[in-house]
Amino acid sequence: MKYRMILLLILFVAAQSGNEAFAGYDASKPVATVHKPVGAVEFMATGKDWNRAVPATPLYSGDRVKTGENSFVIIKFIENSILRIQEKSEITIHGDITKNKEFSKNVYMERGSLGFTVQKRTNEKFEFSTPTSVASIRGTEGLLVTGGENADVLIIASGVVVFTNLISRQSVTVGANQAAFSDKQGNMNVKPVTLEQLQQLNNALSGSGTPSDTTGSKTDTTKSGGNRSGGQSSSSGTGSESLSLSFLISTPPVTEGRGFAVSVELTNLSVPLDTVKQLASYFALAYRSEGSQTFEELSATITGNRMKFDIPADKVTGTKIEIYIILRTKTGIEITYPQNNPRSNPLIIPVQSAQRNQLKIEFLDPSGKRRTMVIEY
């Protein structure tokens, strides 16, 4: 009898521990909430019609969410995992307790793309699924794109994901800075991320569903009197360290009618320099003199992380030279610095006048002789 009582006590404690693990879950309560809907964002409760989603809209298991063109929405789960649903996407959210006593969450994506930041928790299971693939997530940040007629693409910023093709049942492990592809023929492969994919990842995790401004800028003056500008195209995920591509631009003091060199340095590279060389199809400095309507371009081959562009003397006229940087990839992506409308918002290099004015001041010295002081400016 004593043995039985001890056994029953152990079983009771074990059952209580299992219940405590899911004390925060109630099937009658929402599993997620809508945050920051931008543009055309709608949700559909089970058995209901589509309705406009507003901030704090609760989402229950089985609810669907979709975004229109140029639209975006953040969805936050009860345990603080975050989805960033991009434009023209549609998902269905599921949350339940499994037979293995796990809090199981599944986000089925019919179309589109989403960025995700999934918190790692014990006794919880988080999956993303598409008509072609399933990604099993535990404490991970990344981007999932449904391929439609092409392959699904999974890009990981941090953590490790098991990615499975539903046709072939083949699975691969995907780690940080890797991209996995799963197609409708059952094929799967994993590759290092490219610069373009890092930019996609940044857009998906930056909190903006539309193409984000991935280039920030600042301008200051060096002690030598020259000009220096810094621009950055960054790939950063919320809650994790980011990789980036930065442009640092410097020139000496510039005088009208004299040629000068613009130095452009690539720093904080999001991928190795050799990868940037392989990806780049065109790298150039665009410039124009004051009063000119057309930018001219000086191209260069990326050989190291610093290049120089020589602007000829006959182009150095007026009070300023306007410049911007162009980097195009072999896949057709174009990065500029400044990012937004560089032709109408270029960097400004001041040009000093080559002519010097003189101010003559006549005066008498202590001996009474007339003298002239000349001041040039």
Protein backbone atom coordinates (compact mmCIF):
# COMPACT_ATOMS: atom_id res chain seq x y z
CA MET A 1 0.00 0.00 0.00
CA LYS A 2 2.83 2.36 0.90
CA TYR A 3 4.44 1.70 -2.49
CA ARG A 4 1.18 2.52 -4.30
CA MET A 5 0.74 5.78 -2.45
CA ILE A 6 4.23 6.94 -3.36
CA LEU A 7 3.65 6.01 -7.01
CA LEU A 8 0.36 7.92 -7.13
CA LEU A 9 2.03 10.96 -5.59
CA ILE A 10 4.75 10.89 -8.24
CA LEU A 11 2.20 10.63 -11.01
CA PHE A 12 0.20 13.51 -9.55
CA VAL A 13 3.28 15.76 -9.40
CA ALA A 14 4.21 14.86 -12.97
CA ALA A 15 0.72 15.70 -14.18
CA GLN A 16 0.77 19.02 -12.35
CA SER A 17 4.18 19.88 -13.89
CA GLY A 18 2.82 19.18 -17.36
CA ASN A 19 -0.20 21.42 -16.76
CA GLU A 20 1.97 24.26 -15.47
CA ALA A 21 3.94 24.22 -18.73
CA PHE A 22 0.76 25.19 -20.58
CA ALA A 23 -0.83 27.38 -17.95
CA GLY A 24 -0.64 30.29 -20.39
CA TYR A 25 -2.59 28.49 -23.12
CA ASP A 26 -6.39 28.58 -23.26
CA ALA A 27 -8.13 27.29 -26.39
CA SER A 28 -10.85 29.91 -25.94
CA LYS A 29 -8.31 32.73 -26.04
CA PRO A 30 -6.41 34.14 -29.05
CA VAL A 31 -3.02 32.70 -29.96
CA ALA A 32 -1.80 35.91 -31.63
CA THR A 33 -2.61 39.58 -32.15
CA VAL A 34 -2.43 41.95 -35.11
CA HIS A 35 0.12 44.77 -34.81
CA LYS A 36 0.90 47.64 -37.20
CA PRO A 37 -1.28 46.79 -40.23
CA VAL A 38 -0.29 48.94 -43.21
CA GLY A 39 -2.45 49.21 -46.34
CA ALA A 40 -4.95 46.50 -47.28
CA VAL A 41 -4.76 43.95 -44.45
CA GLU A 42 -7.72 41.61 -43.79
CA PHE A 43 -8.47 38.68 -41.49
CA MET A 44 -11.06 35.92 -41.59
CA ALA A 45 -12.26 34.12 -38.49
CA THR A 46 -13.36 30.51 -38.93
CA GLY A 47 -16.77 30.45 -40.62
CA LYS A 48 -16.87 34.22 -41.09
CA ASP A 49 -16.19 36.68 -43.95
CA TRP A 50 -13.08 38.72 -44.58
CA ASN A 51 -12.85 41.89 -42.47
CA ARG A 52 -10.37 44.71 -42.20
CA ALA A 53 -7.64 44.03 -39.63
CA VAL A 54 -6.91 46.85 -37.18
CA PRO A 55 -4.31 47.10 -34.41
CA ALA A 56 -4.99 44.70 -31.51
CA THR A 57 -7.26 42.44 -33.61
CA PRO A 58 -7.16 39.03 -31.83
CA LEU A 59 -6.36 35.95 -33.91
CA TYR A 60 -7.59 32.51 -32.90
CA SER A 61 -6.55 29.09 -34.11
CA GLY A 62 -7.83 28.65 -37.68
CA ASP A 63 -7.96 32.37 -38.49
CA ARG A 64 -6.57 33.62 -41.79
CA VAL A 65 -4.75 36.85 -42.64
CA LYS A 66 -3.97 38.33 -46.05
CA THR A 67 -2.23 41.45 -47.35
CA GLY A 68 -2.78 43.35 -50.58
CA GLU A 69 -0.31 45.13 -52.82
CA ASN A 70 2.05 47.51 -50.97
CA SER A 71 0.61 46.24 -47.68
CA PHE A 72 2.20 44.78 -44.58
CA VAL A 73 1.32 43.54 -41.09
CA ILE A 74 3.09 42.37 -37.94
CA ILE A 75 1.55 39.46 -36.03
CA LYS A 76 2.63 38.81 -32.46
CA PHE A 77 2.05 35.46 -30.70
CA ILE A 78 1.25 35.13 -27.00
CA GLU A 79 4.83 33.99 -26.25
CA ASN A 80 6.26 36.98 -28.20
CA SER A 81 7.22 35.26 -31.44
CA ILE A 82 6.76 37.73 -34.30
CA LEU A 83 5.70 37.39 -37.95
CA ARG A 84 6.15 40.17 -40.50
CA ILE A 85 3.78 39.38 -43.35
CA GLN A 86 4.85 40.95 -46.63
CA GLU A 87 2.63 42.25 -49.43
CA LYS A 88 0.36 39.94 -51.45
CA SER A 89 0.59 37.15 -48.87
CA GLU A 90 -1.97 34.87 -47.22
CA ILE A 91 -1.53 32.73 -44.10
CA THR A 92 -3.58 30.57 -41.72
CA ILE A 93 -2.65 30.36 -38.03
CA HIS A 94 -3.08 27.21 -35.93
CA GLY A 95 -2.36 26.64 -32.24
CA ASP A 96 -3.10 23.53 -30.18
CA ILE A 97 -1.80 21.11 -27.56
CA THR A 98 -0.41 17.91 -29.10
CA LYS A 99 -0.64 14.36 -27.74
CA ASN A 100 2.99 14.78 -26.62
CA LYS A 101 1.94 17.73 -24.45
CA GLU A 102 3.56 20.32 -26.72
CA PHE A 103 2.07 23.69 -27.51
CA SER A 104 2.05 23.34 -31.30
CA LYS A 105 1.87 26.40 -33.55
CA ASN A 106 1.68 26.18 -37.30
CA VAL A 107 1.57 29.00 -39.81
CA TYR A 108 0.40 27.80 -43.21
CA MET A 109 1.37 30.16 -46.01
CA GLU A 110 -0.70 29.81 -49.16
CA ARG A 111 1.24 32.50 -51.01
CA GLY A 112 3.67 35.34 -50.45
CA SER A 113 6.51 35.77 -47.97
CA LEU A 114 7.04 36.45 -44.29
CA GLY A 115 9.86 37.31 -41.95
CA PHE A 116 9.88 35.58 -38.57
CA THR A 117 11.46 35.88 -35.15
CA VAL A 118 10.54 32.75 -33.16
CA GLN A 119 11.30 32.57 -29.44
CA LYS A 120 12.86 29.34 -28.19
CA ARG A 121 10.73 27.74 -25.46
CA THR A 122 10.59 24.29 -23.91
CA ASN A 123 7.62 22.06 -24.70
CA GLU A 124 6.68 24.17 -27.68
CA LYS A 125 6.71 23.41 -31.38
CA PHE A 126 6.58 26.00 -34.15
CA GLU A 127 6.24 25.12 -37.83
CA PHE A 128 5.83 27.03 -41.07
CA SER A 129 4.26 25.13 -43.93
CA THR A 130 3.46 25.75 -47.60
CA PRO A 131 1.89 23.53 -50.25
CA THR A 132 5.42 22.21 -50.87
CA SER A 133 7.47 22.43 -47.68
CA VAL A 134 7.56 22.41 -43.87
CA ALA A 135 10.09 24.30 -41.72
CA SER A 136 10.43 23.19 -38.08
CA ILE A 137 11.51 26.17 -35.97
CA ARG A 138 12.97 26.47 -32.49
CA GLY A 139 14.39 29.86 -31.59
CA THR A 140 15.14 31.13 -35.10
CA GLU A 141 15.02 34.27 -37.23
CA GLY A 142 14.66 34.30 -40.99
CA LEU A 143 12.53 34.68 -44.12
CA LEU A 144 10.26 32.18 -45.91
CA VAL A 145 9.04 32.76 -49.47
CA THR A 146 6.51 30.48 -51.15
CA GLY A 147 7.65 29.75 -54.66
CA GLY A 148 4.36 29.36 -56.50
CA GLU A 149 5.46 27.49 -59.59
CA ASN A 150 9.10 27.78 -58.49
CA ALA A 151 10.93 26.67 -55.35
CA ASP A 152 10.15 27.72 -51.80
CA VAL A 153 13.08 29.67 -50.37
CA LEU A 154 14.07 29.69 -46.69
CA ILE A 155 16.75 32.21 -45.60
CA ILE A 156 18.08 31.99 -42.04
CA ALA A 157 19.61 34.87 -40.09
CA SER A 158 20.21 33.01 -36.83
CA GLY A 159 19.54 29.60 -35.32
CA VAL A 160 18.99 26.26 -37.08
CA VAL A 161 15.92 25.00 -38.98
CA VAL A 162 14.94 21.58 -40.31
CA PHE A 163 13.41 22.14 -43.76
CA THR A 164 11.41 19.28 -45.32
CA ASN A 165 10.06 18.80 -48.82
CA LEU A 166 6.53 17.30 -48.68
CA ILE A 167 6.86 15.58 -52.08
CA SER A 168 10.13 13.70 -51.57
CA ARG A 169 10.11 13.80 -47.74
CA GLN A 170 13.74 14.86 -47.97
CA SER A 171 14.96 17.10 -45.13
CA VAL A 172 17.91 19.45 -44.84
CA THR A 173 19.34 21.45 -41.95
CA VAL A 174 19.63 25.18 -42.57
CA GLY A 175 21.86 27.40 -40.43
CA ALA A 176 22.68 31.08 -40.11
CA ASN A 177 23.59 32.85 -43.38
CA GLN A 178 22.31 29.93 -45.45
CA ALA A 179 19.45 29.69 -47.96
CA ALA A 180 17.52 26.49 -48.69
CA PHE A 181 15.44 25.71 -51.79
CA SER A 182 12.56 23.22 -51.98
CA ASP A 183 10.71 22.68 -55.28
CA LYS A 184 7.60 20.83 -56.45
CA GLN A 185 9.70 18.07 -58.00
CA GLY A 186 10.96 17.12 -54.54
CA ASN A 187 14.43 18.61 -54.94
CA MET A 188 16.20 20.39 -52.09
CA ASN A 189 19.55 22.13 -51.69
CA VAL A 190 21.28 24.52 -49.31
CA LYS A 191 23.62 27.36 -50.36
CA PRO A 192 25.37 30.33 -48.72
CA VAL A 193 23.21 33.46 -48.84
CA THR A 194 23.87 36.01 -51.56
CA LEU A 195 23.92 39.77 -51.15
CA GLU A 196 20.48 40.02 -52.76
CA GLN A 197 19.06 37.45 -50.33
CA LEU A 198 20.52 39.35 -47.39
CA GLN A 199 18.77 42.45 -48.66
CA GLN A 200 15.48 40.51 -48.90
CA LEU A 201 16.02 39.27 -45.36
CA ASN A 202 16.65 42.80 -44.13
CA ASN A 203 13.45 44.07 -45.76
CA ALA A 204 11.46 41.27 -44.16
CA LEU A 205 12.89 41.74 -40.64
CA SER A 206 13.24 45.51 -40.53
CA GLY A 207 9.59 46.14 -39.74
CA SER A 208 8.69 47.39 -43.21
CA GLY A 209 6.74 45.40 -45.76
CA THR A 210 7.59 47.68 -48.65
CA PRO A 211 11.12 47.96 -50.05
CA SER A 212 12.94 49.64 -47.19
CA ASP A 213 15.57 52.35 -47.28
CA THR A 214 18.60 50.13 -46.82
CA THR A 215 20.95 53.03 -47.17
CA GLY A 216 21.50 55.60 -44.47
CA SER A 217 23.90 58.48 -44.88
CA LYS A 218 25.95 60.98 -42.97
CA THR A 219 28.45 63.62 -43.99
CA ASP A 220 31.28 65.23 -42.07
CA THR A 221 34.52 67.12 -42.76
CA THR A 222 37.96 65.66 -42.08
CA LYS A 223 40.71 67.55 -40.27
CA SER A 224 42.67 67.88 -43.51
CA GLY A 225 39.89 69.98 -44.98
CA GLY A 226 38.74 67.32 -47.41
CA ASN A 227 35.29 65.81 -47.72
CA ARG A 228 34.09 62.48 -46.41
CA SER A 229 30.74 60.74 -46.63
CA GLY A 230 29.56 57.41 -45.29
CA GLY A 231 26.64 55.41 -46.65
CA GLN A 232 25.33 52.04 -45.57
CA SER A 233 23.26 49.28 -47.13
CA SER A 234 22.47 47.08 -44.16
CA SER A 235 20.99 43.68 -43.47
CA SER A 236 19.79 43.56 -39.90
CA GLY A 237 17.32 41.37 -38.12
CA THR A 238 15.46 42.48 -35.03
CA GLY A 239 17.10 40.95 -32.02
CA SER A 240 20.23 39.71 -33.77
CA GLU A 241 23.51 41.08 -34.99
CA SER A 242 23.39 42.23 -38.60
CA LEU A 243 25.75 42.15 -41.57
CA SER A 244 26.05 45.15 -43.86
CA LEU A 245 27.62 46.76 -46.91
CA SER A 246 28.88 50.31 -46.39
CA PHE A 247 30.34 52.95 -48.72
CA LEU A 248 32.87 55.42 -47.32
CA ILE A 249 33.61 58.29 -49.72
CA SER A 250 36.41 60.84 -49.33
CA THR A 251 38.02 63.59 -51.44
CA PRO A 252 40.75 66.20 -50.92
CA PRO A 253 39.86 69.93 -50.92
CA VAL A 254 38.60 70.65 -54.45
CA THR A 255 39.54 73.76 -56.45
CA GLU A 256 37.89 74.96 -59.64
CA GLY A 257 39.75 73.89 -62.79
CA ARG A 258 41.82 71.21 -61.05
CA GLY A 259 41.17 67.50 -61.33
CA PHE A 260 40.81 65.39 -58.20
CA ALA A 261 40.24 61.78 -57.08
CA VAL A 262 37.20 60.42 -55.26
CA SER A 263 38.05 57.48 -52.99
CA VAL A 264 35.31 54.89 -52.37
CA GLU A 265 35.87 52.24 -49.71
CA LEU A 266 33.69 49.16 -49.13
CA THR A 267 33.38 48.35 -45.44
CA ASN A 268 31.21 46.23 -43.13
CA LEU A 269 30.64 43.75 -45.92
CA SER A 270 27.63 41.50 -45.48
CA VAL A 271 29.41 38.76 -47.42
CA PRO A 272 33.11 38.15 -48.12
CA LEU A 273 34.74 40.59 -50.56
CA ASP A 274 35.29 37.77 -53.06
CA THR A 275 31.54 37.14 -53.06
CA VAL A 276 30.86 40.82 -53.74
CA LYS A 277 33.30 40.65 -56.69
CA GLN A 278 31.44 37.64 -58.09
CA LEU A 279 28.03 39.25 -57.64
CA ALA A 280 28.92 42.68 -59.03
CA SER A 281 28.42 43.33 -62.73
CA TYR A 282 28.94 47.11 -62.62
CA PHE A 283 30.45 49.53 -60.12
CA ALA A 284 30.66 53.22 -60.91
CA LEU A 285 30.78 56.81 -59.68
CA ALA A 286 28.23 59.11 -61.33
CA TYR A 287 29.09 62.83 -61.30
CA ARG A 288 28.10 66.14 -62.85
CA SER A 289 29.26 69.76 -62.67
CA GLU A 290 27.08 72.56 -61.41
CA GLY A 291 24.56 73.52 -64.07
CA SER A 292 24.89 70.25 -65.98
CA GLN A 293 21.69 68.25 -66.56
CA THR A 294 23.43 64.91 -67.19
CA PHE A 295 25.45 62.66 -64.93
CA GLU A 296 28.55 61.06 -66.40
CA GLU A 297 29.77 57.72 -65.06
CA LEU A 298 33.27 56.48 -64.22
CA SER A 299 33.32 52.70 -63.89
CA ALA A 300 35.81 50.56 -62.01
CA THR A 301 36.47 46.88 -61.35
CA ILE A 302 36.23 45.85 -57.72
CA THR A 303 39.69 44.50 -57.00
CA GLY A 304 40.06 45.46 -53.35
CA ASN A 305 37.91 47.23 -50.80
CA ARG A 306 39.07 50.71 -51.93
CA MET A 307 38.76 52.24 -55.43
CA LYS A 308 39.56 55.70 -56.83
CA PHE A 309 37.73 57.64 -59.51
CA ASP A 310 39.52 60.54 -61.20
CA ILE A 311 37.34 63.50 -62.14
CA PRO A 312 39.04 65.53 -64.93
CA ALA A 313 39.95 69.19 -64.46
CA ASP A 314 37.62 70.49 -67.21
CA LYS A 315 34.64 69.06 -65.31
CA VAL A 316 35.48 70.89 -62.09
CA THR A 317 33.49 74.09 -62.59
CA GLY A 318 31.08 76.21 -60.59
CA THR A 319 30.70 75.93 -56.84
CA LYS A 320 29.96 72.21 -56.50
CA ILE A 321 30.25 68.72 -57.97
CA GLU A 322 27.35 66.27 -57.44
CA ILE A 323 28.08 62.53 -57.14
CA TYR A 324 26.48 59.20 -56.26
CA ILE A 325 27.56 55.52 -56.24
CA ILE A 326 26.12 52.70 -58.37
CA LEU A 327 26.56 48.98 -57.68
CA ARG A 328 24.65 46.52 -59.91
CA THR A 329 24.61 42.77 -59.50
CA LYS A 330 24.48 40.07 -62.15
CA THR A 331 20.89 39.31 -61.14
CA GLY A 332 19.75 42.86 -61.89
CA ILE A 333 19.66 44.32 -58.37
CA GLU A 334 20.91 47.92 -58.17
CA ILE A 335 22.28 49.51 -55.00
CA THR A 336 22.92 53.25 -54.96
CA TYR A 337 24.29 55.65 -52.43
CA PRO A 338 22.39 57.74 -51.58
CA GLN A 339 19.59 55.18 -51.80
CA ASN A 340 16.56 57.34 -52.50
CA ASN A 341 16.48 59.20 -55.83
CA PRO A 342 20.25 59.69 -56.07
CA ARG A 343 19.94 61.81 -59.23
CA SER A 344 17.82 64.36 -57.39
CA ASN A 345 19.46 63.80 -54.01
CA PRO A 346 23.19 63.38 -54.75
CA LEU A 347 26.17 63.98 -52.49
CA ILE A 348 27.59 67.52 -52.76
CA ILE A 349 31.33 68.22 -53.04
CA PRO A 350 32.06 71.95 -52.59
CA VAL A 351 34.40 73.56 -55.11
CA GLN A 352 36.63 76.48 -54.15
CA SER A 353 37.09 79.33 -56.60
CA ALA A 354 40.45 79.42 -58.41
CA GLN A 355 40.34 83.22 -58.56
CA ARG A 356 41.64 85.23 -55.63
CA ASN A 357 40.44 88.71 -54.82
CA GLN A 358 42.76 91.33 -53.36
CA LEU A 359 42.04 94.01 -50.81
CA LYS A 360 44.68 96.79 -50.75
CA ILE A 361 44.97 98.99 -47.66
CA GLU A 362 47.36 101.95 -47.68
CA PHE A 363 48.82 103.23 -44.40
CA LEU A 364 51.74 105.22 -42.97
CA ASP A 365 54.38 103.41 -40.98
CA PRO A 366 55.93 104.96 -37.84
CA SER A 367 58.63 106.64 -39.94
CA GLY A 368 55.98 108.36 -42.04
CA LYS A 369 56.51 106.30 -45.19
CA ARG A 370 53.43 105.33 -47.20
CA ARG A 371 52.97 101.53 -47.43
CA THR A 372 50.35 99.14 -48.84
CA MET A 373 48.93 96.01 -47.17
CA VAL A 374 47.54 93.35 -49.59
CA ILE A 375 44.96 90.83 -48.32
CA GLU A 376 44.03 87.97 -50.64
CA TYR A 377 40.71 86.11 -50.30
